[in-house]
Protein backbone atom coordinates (compact mmCIF):
# COMPACT_ATOMS: atom_id res chain seq x y z
CA UNK A 1 48.84 -11.73 -42.53
CA UNK A 2 45.29 -12.59 -41.57
CA UNK A 3 43.98 -11.30 -38.26
CA UNK A 4 42.60 -13.85 -35.87
CA UNK A 5 38.89 -13.21 -35.22
CA UNK A 6 38.09 -11.94 -31.74
CA UNK A 7 35.86 -14.03 -29.54
CA UNK A 8 32.38 -12.86 -28.68
CA UNK A 9 31.38 -12.41 -25.05
CA UNK A 10 28.23 -14.07 -23.68
CA UNK A 11 26.55 -10.69 -23.47
CA UNK A 12 27.36 -9.92 -27.11
CA UNK A 13 26.16 -13.35 -28.21
CA UNK A 14 22.89 -12.96 -26.29
CA UNK A 15 22.31 -9.48 -27.70
CA UNK A 16 23.02 -10.70 -31.24
CA UNK A 17 20.63 -13.65 -30.81
CA UNK A 18 17.93 -11.41 -29.37
CA UNK A 19 18.20 -8.92 -32.21
CA UNK A 20 18.08 -11.71 -34.79
CA UNK A 21 14.96 -13.15 -33.14
CA UNK A 22 13.40 -9.67 -33.03
CA UNK A 23 14.02 -9.19 -36.76
CA UNK A 24 12.68 -12.63 -37.58
CA UNK A 25 9.52 -12.69 -35.41
CA UNK A 26 8.89 -9.09 -34.32
CA UNK A 27 8.70 -7.44 -30.91
CA UNK A 28 5.30 -8.96 -30.07
CA UNK A 29 6.90 -12.41 -30.03
CA UNK A 30 8.84 -11.63 -26.83
CA UNK A 31 5.70 -10.50 -25.03
CA UNK A 32 3.84 -13.60 -26.11
CA UNK A 33 6.52 -16.08 -25.03
CA UNK A 34 7.00 -14.17 -21.77
CA UNK A 35 3.34 -14.58 -20.85
CA UNK A 36 3.35 -18.26 -21.82
CA UNK A 37 6.53 -18.97 -19.85
CA UNK A 38 5.35 -17.28 -16.68
CA UNK A 39 1.92 -18.91 -16.72
CA UNK A 40 3.24 -22.35 -17.55
CA UNK A 41 5.91 -22.23 -14.84
CA UNK A 42 3.46 -21.05 -12.19
CA UNK A 43 0.93 -23.74 -13.09
CA UNK A 44 3.58 -26.43 -12.94
CA UNK A 45 4.76 -25.24 -9.52
CA UNK A 46 1.18 -25.07 -8.23
CA UNK A 47 0.46 -28.63 -9.42
CA UNK A 48 3.68 -29.91 -7.89
CA UNK A 49 3.60 -28.16 -4.50
CA UNK A 50 0.04 -26.89 -4.03
CA UNK A 51 -1.34 -23.52 -3.03
CA UNK A 52 0.06 -23.88 0.49
CA UNK A 53 3.56 -23.60 -0.98
CA UNK A 54 2.84 -20.08 -2.23
CA UNK A 55 1.31 -19.13 1.12
CA UNK A 56 4.38 -20.42 2.95
CA UNK A 57 6.94 -18.64 0.77
CA UNK A 58 4.81 -15.48 0.84
CA UNK A 59 4.95 -15.41 4.63
CA UNK A 60 8.72 -15.96 4.58
CA UNK A 61 9.20 -13.04 2.20
CA UNK A 62 7.03 -10.75 4.29
CA UNK A 63 8.80 -11.58 7.56
CA UNK A 64 12.29 -10.62 6.39
């Protein structure tokens, strides 16, 4: 009798994908895409909402 394969959890799938990417591109790849992602997202938000948006949310965070 053949055993039915067990399903992989989301955490296991993410870990497996991350390790495969690390083997394929190297550890530096994660640092590079992390810097690009953070910069790009911040620039997009700044263009969309303006600098005042950051000032406003900064004050909210500091007042809590």
